[in-house]
Every structure is written in structure tokens, then in C-alpha cells.
């Protein structure tokens, strides 16, 4: 199994160590750059996984019988409405390096799972040319290519009527991604922007120029009616360090931070048993009869709605959802009633388990294959699709785009939240080997935010 590590030799080029708590960004800019990392975990499927007709069980190259979901299982579990598909809306998927085969891969993914092509798919490289794909680049272009495939395919799968714009930065530096986002925000007002990447706040200075530039981008996006999301991280409450710290840019007060969940009960790899009727296999329910088949898949299963969830914390990887008080940003007004001392993530959550991951199709390695992908990276593009559906519903009600949605989400009544979210009350985000974590509980918490969506109900509430 290949796992994307947040901490690598790249970080040797970053900025010093943790800084003291600072509740506001200084107007003085430090021009030192930093490098973002993708927030996903994945395994490469075996050749049997290249044609996964026996969902929801797949075999990877190193782990036998992982639960794996196609778009239909996710749409069923989270109750996506049948009559809305994001028509008329635009989703911006921001990634570094991109993937040289993404257009063909999206077409093959759609054909395999019976999805229509998006109304338009655009690769937007800002004000410069698109970068050449170089797998030997030390900044993990292969990981970013898997991320690109995940983001594009699942934003489209959840909102197949929306336009998809892949915003490609030349590198994963703060400068490059900020420049690409600034150009995209100007070019596509009223859109929804997904960022499945981040950097631990312990590597940032409060006066870092890239943080200030990113925050200015998010302010411009809010003014343009854009919705901006970011993954909350895959290394627990500490990002692998000794102190609690959030992942930037999810910690920015103008960004909706997306945390992670896994099935409850969580089925450890290889432990799924035959199903005679209706069974819960973590996030999803399935309808049998279905039993292990000759290709190590479950045969004859179909999606049957929502199962259950807990905080994402897969010790076998190990990995856990981010979620923590910010070292830099003061408590925003929409979080003022929660008793917090700083901006705290996440705001919302989504399925992030690898054993319970989604199937992502790629050919950039030179051969067709499915990856089984998890991480909080999976949640950001799919929540972007949800907001595209919200904006479609708002347009039908003669309303403009929802824009920065956190004030509306936090202001929902308790009854609306009970219908629009699955409240996650089990589990914690203390990653194995780290000293700090936060537990889930009723209502908002810094392990799962408000929880995961019941999309049909939430769209009604927000539109």
C-alpha cells in the first residue's frame, strides 16, 4: 500500500517550527514560501479491481477485501435528491500538477458507472501554461494526480449536471496555488471551490505572505458569491506533532472545513460477512443475498440507504481526521456561541475511510486501474457538489448562490440540523501515537463539526 505522508523531506524547506499563539494575521508579510500536501489515503486495486462489478467489496494489492463504494452507494447513503443535479452551477477543483489523462479518465469513469458527461469540463491553468507531468518531481505529482482524479470524478458523480473546472497550479507551493486560485475566482464568480490540500499550522508564521494572500483570495471569493471548502486533514488533532493545531487553509474563517468519518460499526479489513437480507456495512446499507464470490467480491449487492458513522480514525493505516483549534485565527462570529477561544475545525464532515473508500479510475500510470481512496480529500469535492445542488435549488427559488455558507449552517435551528445532518457522537480524532485528540458528542464538536449530510433535507434548509 502506498500512503501519502504529510511529513516528508519537502518540509525541510519550510518555515522554522511552531510559533506562539497569535489571534490575528499581521500586515507585515514574510515572503518565505511553503508547500501544500494532498489530504488523501489510497491503495491500488488488484487487476480484479479494474472491473469492480461485485461491489461493495474490493481487493487491493496489499489488503484483502476492503469495502469500496461506487457513486451509487454514496448517493444512496447520503440521500442525494433525485431531481437536482447541480445544473447551471460551476465547481472549481483546485490541484497542483494535475493529471495528464484526466479528461479521458473522467469519460471512462462516467461510462463505467453509467453517469452522463458533465455539461463542460475545463482545465484552467490561470495566467500561465499548464505544467508538464513529471513523475520524478520530488513534490509528489503522482499523489496529486490521484487527488486530481478523485476530486474531478466525485465532484461530477455527485452533481453530474454541474460544469467542472479543474484549476491546475504549476507547483504545490503556496504562491503557485494562490495565484491559480486568484485567477479562477476572477474568472468564475458564483462558483464552488474545493481544496483537498493543506499544511499544518505549526509550519506557518502569523505574518506569512502566502497566508495573507490566501485569506485575501477567500475574501474576494466571498464577495463574488463563491463557496470555498477545504479538507481538515488526515493526521488527527495534532497533524503528527505534540500540540493541537489545525490544517490551513481549512482553518481560515472564510473557508468551510470538511472533516472525516468512517462506518459505524467499522468493519476491519477482510471481516465483511455474507448478507442474506438488508445489512449495514458501515456508511452504507446493502440488500442481499450476497456472499463472497470467486473474485473476492460481493455478488448481487445493491445500495439501500444510510448505515451509520463515527469519527474517522483508522488505526491500521494509521490515519485520523483533522479537527483542532487554530493557532492563528480568532473565533469567527458564526462560532461565537460554542464556547471556543479560537477558530476551530471542522465545520462539517463526510465519509473518509479507506476501508470504505471510493473507487477512482486512472490511467496516468500507463495502464487502467481503480484506486480505493479515502481521506478528508474525498469530502471536500463531494461537499462542493452538494453546494452546487443547493445553488441550483436556490436559483429555482429566484435566489442567488449561497456563497460563504458557514453563517447559514451554524444558524440552522436544532430541528433543521437534526434533519439535515447525521450527528456524529461516537469516536475521537486522536491518531495512533499522538498525545491529543477530541471526542465526538451531541451537536457540534471539534472531531466532526455538525456531522455528515442528509442532502435532500439540507438542500431544503439552505435553499
Foldseek 3Di string as FASTA:
>chain_A
DDFFAQDDPLCVQFADFADFFAAAFDQAADARKHFKDFFKTWFFFDPLQLQFPQPQWGQGPPFATFGADALQQQCQALAQDPVFQLAPAEEEEEFELEFPCQVVQLVVSCVSVVADAEPEEEEAAAPDDRADRDCPPPQHSVNRHLLNLLLQNQLCSLRVHHYYYYQYFHHRMLVRRLRSLLRVCVVHFQHEYFARIWHWCRRDDSNHPSVVSNLVSLVSNLVSNYAAEYEFHKAFQCSPDADGATTPPQLRPSYAYAKAKWFVVAQPGPRDAADDAWDDHGQWIWGDRWGQDPSRGTHDIDTDYGDGIAFDAPQVVGIGIYKYFHSYHADDPLCVVVPDGGRIDHAAYDHFDLSHFYWGWDCSVPHITTMGMGGSSNVRSNVSSLQSRLQVVCVVVVHGRCRRCSSLVSPDDPVLLVQFFDQHQADWRNHPPYDDIWGGHGAADRRGNSHHGSSVSVSVSRD
